[in-house]
Structures are given as structure tokens and as C-alpha cells.
C-alpha atoms as a PDB file:
ATOM      1  CA  MET A   1     105.344  93.167 108.383  1.00  0.00           C
ATOM      2  CA  GLY A   2     108.759  91.440 106.920  1.00  0.00           C
ATOM      3  CA  TYR A   3     111.484  89.704 108.753  1.00  0.00           C
ATOM      4  CA  PHE A   4     114.551  89.062 107.936  1.00  0.00           C
ATOM      5  CA  LEU A   5     115.514  85.800 106.621  1.00  0.00           C
ATOM      6  CA  PRO A   6     118.433  83.443 107.451  1.00  0.00           C
ATOM      7  CA  GLU A   7     120.604  84.325 104.183  1.00  0.00           C
ATOM      8  CA  HIS A   8     119.875  88.466 105.415  1.00  0.00           C
ATOM      9  CA  ARG A   9     120.679  87.225 108.576  1.00  0.00           C
ATOM     10  CA  GLY A  10     124.247  86.367 106.584  1.00  0.00           C
ATOM     11  CA  MET A  11     124.366  89.670 105.083  1.00  0.00           C
ATOM     12  CA  LEU A  12     123.847  91.442 108.473  1.00  0.00           C
ATOM     13  CA  ARG A  13     126.815  89.857 109.813  1.00  0.00           C
ATOM     14  CA  MET A  14     129.190  90.346 106.969  1.00  0.00           C
ATOM     15  CA  SER A  15     128.144  93.972 106.655  1.00  0.00           C
ATOM     16  CA  ALA A  16     128.954  94.338 110.304  1.00  0.00           C
ATOM     17  CA  ALA A  17     131.654  92.625 109.726  1.00  0.00           C
ATOM     18  CA  LEU A  18     132.831  95.286 107.070  1.00  0.00           C
ATOM     19  CA  ALA A  19     131.172  98.453 109.147  1.00  0.00           C
ATOM     20  CA  GLU A  20     133.331  96.971 112.281  1.00  0.00           C
ATOM     21  CA  HIS A  21     136.775  97.179 110.241  1.00  0.00           C
ATOM     22  CA  ILE A  22     136.218 100.851 108.580  1.00  0.00           C
ATOM     23  CA  VAL A  23     135.239 102.160 111.441  1.00  0.00           C
ATOM     24  CA  ALA A  24     138.513 100.579 113.665  1.00  0.00           C
ATOM     25  CA  LYS A  25     140.826 102.048 110.807  1.00  0.00           C
ATOM     26  CA  GLU A  26     139.472 105.480 110.931  1.00  0.00           C
ATOM     27  CA  THR A  27     139.043 106.205 114.545  1.00  0.00           C
ATOM     28  CA  ARG A  28     142.203 103.859 115.959  1.00  0.00           C
ATOM     29  CA  CYS A  29     139.101 102.461 117.908  1.00  0.00           C
ATOM     30  CA  ASP A  30     138.314  98.275 117.888  1.00  0.00           C
ATOM     31  CA  VAL A  31     134.002  98.566 118.969  1.00  0.00           C
ATOM     32  CA  ARG A  32     133.889  94.659 118.114  1.00  0.00           C
ATOM     33  CA  ASP A  33     133.224  93.830 121.608  1.00  0.00           C
ATOM     34  CA  LEU A  34     131.026  97.217 122.563  1.00  0.00           C
ATOM     35  CA  TYR A  35     128.127  95.863 121.004  1.00  0.00           C
ATOM     36  CA  ASP A  36     125.826  93.254 119.620  1.00  0.00           C
ATOM     37  CA  VAL A  37     123.082  92.975 116.910  1.00  0.00           C
ATOM     38  CA  ARG A  38     119.732  91.546 116.675  1.00  0.00           C
ATOM     39  CA  THR A  39     117.062  92.140 114.197  1.00  0.00           C
ATOM     40  CA  GLN A  40     113.170  92.798 115.097  1.00  0.00           C
ATOM     41  CA  ARG A  41     112.680  89.167 115.303  1.00  0.00           C
ATOM     42  CA  GLU A  42     115.208  88.697 118.029  1.00  0.00           C
ATOM     43  CA  SER A  43     114.361  92.179 120.182  1.00  0.00           C
ATOM     44  CA  HIS A  44     112.282  92.876 122.731  1.00  0.00           C
ATOM     45  CA  GLU A  45     109.418  95.314 122.409  1.00  0.00           C
ATOM     46  CA  GLU A  46     111.019  98.064 124.042  1.00  0.00           C
ATOM     47  CA  GLU A  47     114.249  97.636 121.190  1.00  0.00           C
ATOM     48  CA  LYS A  48     111.241  98.600 118.121  1.00  0.00           C
ATOM     49  CA  GLU A  49     110.654 101.305 116.915  1.00  0.00           C
ATOM     50  CA  GLU A  50     109.218 102.756 113.395  1.00  0.00           C
ATOM     51  CA  GLY A  51     110.070 104.794 111.097  1.00  0.00           C
ATOM     52  CA  VAL A  52     114.082 103.999 111.746  1.00  0.00           C
ATOM     53  CA  PHE A  53     116.282 101.357 110.143  1.00  0.00           C
ATOM     54  CA  ALA A  54     118.074 100.738 113.100  1.00  0.00           C
ATOM     55  CA  LYS A  55     117.410 101.441 117.232  1.00  0.00           C
ATOM     56  CA  LEU A  56     120.549 101.499 119.240  1.00  0.00           C
ATOM     57  CA  VAL A  57     119.744 100.662 123.059  1.00  0.00           C
ATOM     58  CA  MET A  58     122.679 100.494 126.093  1.00  0.00           C
ATOM     59  CA  LEU A  59     122.684  98.034 128.332  1.00  0.00           C
ATOM     60  CA  GLU A  60     124.282  98.368 132.034  1.00  0.00           C
ATOM     61  CA  PRO A  61     126.827  96.332 132.464  1.00  0.00           C
ATOM     62  CA  GLU A  62     126.748  93.304 134.387  1.00  0.00           C
ATOM     63  CA  VAL A  63     129.901  94.102 136.201  1.00  0.00           C
ATOM     64  CA  ALA A  64     130.275  97.760 137.186  1.00  0.00           C
ATOM     65  CA  ASP A  65     133.605  98.511 136.716  1.00  0.00           C
ATOM     66  CA  MET A  66     132.957  97.235 132.491  1.00  0.00           C
ATOM     67  CA  PRO A  67     132.598  99.510 130.190  1.00  0.00           C
ATOM     68  CA  ASN A  68     128.648  99.978 128.477  1.00  0.00           C
ATOM     69  CA  LEU A  69     127.229  98.134 125.444  1.00  0.00           C
ATOM     70  CA  TYR A  70     125.202  98.290 123.425  1.00  0.00           C
ATOM     71  CA  ARG A  71     122.960  96.411 121.102  1.00  0.00           C
ATOM     72  CA  VAL A  72     121.756  97.504 117.265  1.00  0.00           C
ATOM     73  CA  CYS A  73     118.357  96.558 117.352  1.00  0.00           C
ATOM     74  CA  VAL A  74     117.918  96.428 113.082  1.00  0.00           C
ATOM     75  CA  GLN A  75     114.386  97.438 112.220  1.00  0.00           C
ATOM     76  CA  ASP A  76     114.098  94.365 109.555  1.00  0.00           C
ATOM     77  CA  SER A  77     110.398  95.366 108.604  1.00  0.00           C
ATOM     78  CA  GLN A  78     110.948  99.026 107.643  1.00  0.00           C
ATOM     79  CA  VAL A  79     114.557  98.350 105.596  1.00  0.00           C
ATOM     80  CA  ILE A  80     112.661  95.675 103.689  1.00  0.00           C
ATOM     81  CA  GLU A  81     110.126  97.972 103.022  1.00  0.00           C
ATOM     82  CA  PHE A  82     112.830 100.292 101.986  1.00  0.00           C
ATOM     83  CA  MET A  83     114.284  97.621  99.981  1.00  0.00           C
ATOM     84  CA  ARG A  84     110.973  96.728  98.442  1.00  0.00           C
ATOM     85  CA  THR A  85     110.120  99.847  96.528  1.00  0.00           C
ATOM     86  CA  ARG A  86     113.792 101.135  95.967  1.00  0.00           C
ATOM     87  CA  ARG A  87     114.858  98.777  93.651  1.00  0.00           C
ATOM     88  CA  GLU A  88     118.200 100.530  92.831  1.00  0.00           C
ATOM     89  CA  VAL A  89     119.945  99.766  96.367  1.00  0.00           C
ATOM     90  CA  ASP A  90     120.934  96.369  97.574  1.00  0.00           C
ATOM     91  CA  LEU A  91     120.883  95.334 100.492  1.00  0.00           C
ATOM     92  CA  PRO A  92     124.378  94.297 101.974  1.00  0.00           C
ATOM     93  CA  SER A  93     125.364  97.836 100.587  1.00  0.00           C
ATOM     94  CA  LEU A  94     122.443  99.601 103.010  1.00  0.00           C
ATOM     95  CA  LEU A  95     123.307  97.360 105.749  1.00  0.00           C
ATOM     96  CA  THR A  96     127.280  98.613 105.601  1.00  0.00           C
ATOM     97  CA  PHE A  97     126.499 102.338 105.846  1.00  0.00           C
ATOM     98  CA  ILE A  98     123.290 101.229 108.202  1.00  0.00           C
ATOM     99  CA  MET A  99     125.956  99.425 110.252  1.00  0.00           C
ATOM    100  CA  THR A 100     128.790 101.986 109.970  1.00  0.00           C
ATOM    101  CA  HIS A 101     126.333 104.846 111.350  1.00  0.00           C
ATOM    102  CA  GLU A 102     125.338 102.791 114.395  1.00  0.00           C
ATOM    103  CA  LEU A 103     129.125 102.303 115.258  1.00  0.00           C
ATOM    104  CA  VAL A 104     130.501 105.692 115.132  1.00  0.00           C
ATOM    105  CA  HIS A 105     127.671 106.369 117.086  1.00  0.00           C
ATOM    106  CA  ILE A 106     129.213 103.714 119.707  1.00  0.00           C
ATOM    107  CA  HIS A 107     132.736 104.734 119.333  1.00  0.00           C
ATOM    108  CA  ARG A 108     131.480 108.383 120.284  1.00  0.00           C
ATOM    109  CA  PHE A 109     129.699 106.888 123.284  1.00  0.00           C
ATOM    110  CA  ALA A 110     132.332 104.694 124.477  1.00  0.00           C
ATOM    111  CA  THR A 111     134.928 106.958 124.209  1.00  0.00           C
ATOM    112  CA  GLY A 112     133.229 109.701 125.678  1.00  0.00           C
ATOM    113  CA  LYS A 113     133.123 112.370 122.975  1.00  0.00           C
ATOM    114  CA  ALA A 114     129.374 112.470 122.743  1.00  0.00           C
ATOM    115  CA  SER A 115     126.780 110.931 125.366  1.00  0.00           C
ATOM    116  CA  PHE A 116     124.030 108.189 125.065  1.00  0.00           C
ATOM    117  CA  PHE A 117     121.871 110.633 126.773  1.00  0.00           C
ATOM    118  CA  GLU A 118     122.263 114.188 124.965  1.00  0.00           C
ATOM    119  CA  THR A 119     120.035 116.167 124.937  1.00  0.00           C
ATOM    120  CA  GLU A 120     121.013 117.062 121.427  1.00  0.00           C
ATOM    121  CA  ARG A 121     120.475 114.469 119.494  1.00  0.00           C
ATOM    122  CA  GLU A 122     119.671 116.991 116.124  1.00  0.00           C
ATOM    123  CA  GLU A 123     123.469 117.678 116.670  1.00  0.00           C
ATOM    124  CA  GLU A 124     124.946 114.557 117.188  1.00  0.00           C
ATOM    125  CA  GLU A 125     123.119 112.551 114.175  1.00  0.00           C
ATOM    126  CA  ILE A 126     124.257 115.478 111.917  1.00  0.00           C
ATOM    127  CA  TYR A 127     128.046 114.890 113.372  1.00  0.00           C
ATOM    128  CA  VAL A 128     127.838 111.210 113.057  1.00  0.00           C
ATOM    129  CA  ASP A 129     126.234 111.355 109.627  1.00  0.00           C
ATOM    130  CA  ASN A 130     128.882 113.366 107.915  1.00  0.00           C
ATOM    131  CA  LEU A 131     131.202 111.003 109.657  1.00  0.00           C
ATOM    132  CA  THR A 132     130.227 107.613 108.563  1.00  0.00           C
ATOM    133  CA  ARG A 133     129.635 109.504 104.840  1.00  0.00           C
ATOM    134  CA  LEU A 134     133.397 110.627 105.619  1.00  0.00           C
ATOM    135  CA  PHE A 135     134.547 107.000 106.568  1.00  0.00           C
ATOM    136  CA  LEU A 136     132.693 105.458 103.775  1.00  0.00           C
ATOM    137  CA  ALA A 137     133.685 107.633 101.262  1.00  0.00           C
ATOM    138  CA  LYS A 138     137.094 107.029 101.823  1.00  0.00           C
ATOM    139  CA  ASN A 139     136.734 103.411 101.888  1.00  0.00           C
ATOM    140  CA  PRO A 140     134.340 103.384  98.559  1.00  0.00           C
ATOM    141  CA  LEU A 141     131.876 100.428  98.536  1.00  0.00           C
ATOM    142  CA  THR A 142     130.610  99.301  95.309  1.00  0.00           C
ATOM    143  CA  GLY A 143     126.659 100.262  94.988  1.00  0.00           C
ATOM    144  CA  LEU A 144     127.000 102.263  98.558  1.00  0.00           C
ATOM    145  CA  LYS A 145     126.658 105.725  95.525  1.00  0.00           C
ATOM    146  CA  ASN A 146     122.934 104.537  94.836  1.00  0.00           C
ATOM    147  CA  VAL A 147     122.313 104.317  98.848  1.00  0.00           C
ATOM    148  CA  LEU A 148     123.362 107.529  99.814  1.00  0.00           C
ATOM    149  CA  THR A 149     122.383 109.172  96.515  1.00  0.00           C
ATOM    150  CA  LEU A 150     118.854 107.816  97.569  1.00  0.00           C
ATOM    151  CA  LEU A 151     118.733 108.715 101.292  1.00  0.00           C
ATOM    152  CA  ASP A 152     119.902 112.509  99.776  1.00  0.00           C
ATOM    153  CA  LYS A 153     116.659 112.310  97.709  1.00  0.00           C
ATOM    154  CA  LEU A 154     114.587 111.037 100.889  1.00  0.00           C
ATOM    155  CA  GLU A 155     115.206 113.463 103.125  1.00  0.00           C
ATOM    156  CA  ALA A 156     118.203 116.758 102.178  1.00  0.00           C
ATOM    157  CA  ALA A 157     121.668 115.289 103.863  1.00  0.00           C
ATOM    158  CA  PRO A 158     123.120 117.516 106.735  1.00  0.00           C
ATOM    159  CA  LEU A 159     124.635 120.941 105.163  1.00  0.00           C
ATOM    160  CA  TYR A 160     127.899 120.266 104.163  1.00  0.00           C
ATOM    161  CA  SER A 161     131.017 122.708 104.025  1.00  0.00           C
ATOM    162  CA  PHE A 162     134.823 123.208 104.335  1.00  0.00           C
ATOM    163  CA  THR A 163     134.562 121.777 107.811  1.00  0.00           C
ATOM    164  CA  ILE A 164     137.143 120.065 110.173  1.00  0.00           C
ATOM    165  CA  PHE A 165     136.265 117.521 112.502  1.00  0.00           C
ATOM    166  CA  GLU A 166     138.527 117.248 115.423  1.00  0.00           C
ATOM    167  CA  ASP A 167     138.630 113.649 116.719  1.00  0.00           C
ATOM    168  CA  ASP A 168     141.056 113.007 119.345  1.00  0.00           C
ATOM    169  CA  ARG A 169     144.188 115.323 117.834  1.00  0.00           C
ATOM    170  CA  ARG A 170     142.899 113.392 114.624  1.00  0.00           C
ATOM    171  CA  SER A 171     141.451 116.219 112.005  1.00  0.00           C
ATOM    172  CA  TYR A 172     139.047 115.057 109.354  1.00  0.00           C
ATOM    173  CA  ASN A 173     138.913 117.364 106.655  1.00  0.00           C
ATOM    174  CA  ALA A 174     135.809 117.178 104.582  1.00  0.00           C
ATOM    175  CA  TYR A 175     134.413 118.799 101.827  1.00  0.00           C
ATOM    176  CA  LEU A 176     131.350 116.945 100.773  1.00  0.00           C
END
């Protein structure tokens, strides 16, 4: 099991900032103050999970009237193992994909468009994956195509068709 080195932590911060910008631009909602990020080394035992790149945890607010806060717990060992066996993917692009995905979840939970406790998690994952891919397609990054192509090979991408995502009176026309 490997953990991120300090320079990887810097890449994670950079990727989180880029993901914040993309999500804010596409949703007109700033999620910057609604979350924090921990690596596997910094996470508590209940924040660790095998088989995922990141685990999203909801934190209870310290003051009752404050909004819920979220923690993105990046699973270093999963990311490192993925990178070790797939050299065509670069770490900043993969981290940007992971963080954009998690921030789209946070946006949806914070705005009431989805429930953190939703029982239809698979549908929510498909919806968020579609939005993540759409947002990243509209804000292309070098290396991201390799990440998406590889992820599609490993696990079938959600079913795409002529789909309209309705989100707060704004439509995202996705022809993916």
C-alpha cells in the first residue's frame, strides 16, 4: 500500500482548485467552502474504502443552522495502484477527474438536487458521471481524454443518448 508524497499532495490541491473552477463555472455555484480533502494517510479508519478512488463523507455542522460540510477522502493506495499499472494516465488529469466528480456530488447535495442518503445511489452515480464528463468536455484538459478512454475500457460508461440534464432552470444538452 502506498501513500501520496508531498508533491502528490500539491497536485491534489491544484486539481481540486481546477475542479472547483470548472464546477463553479458550469453550475454557477461555489462549493469551495463546503468541503475539505484528506488523503488516505490523513483519513480516519471509517473514511477509508477499498475499490474506490475517493470516498465522500458528510460532516455534521458545528452550528445547527450552518450547511452540511463534506470531506473528500482520496484513497491514495487505489490511485497509486491504478497509476502504476496504467502509465498512459497522468496523475493531475486523474485527480482533476476525481475531484470534479466529487464536487458535482457536493453541489447536488448542498443545493438539494440530490440526497446524500439517497437509496438510488447507482442512478445518482450515473447522473454525476454524465455531468462530470460533460463539464470536463466543455473545459478540456490535456491528458483527460486518456483518463476517460481508459476508464471506459475498464468499466462501461453510463448509457449515453440524447439526454438533457435539467438543473435549476438551466439545461445541459449532452450528446455524448
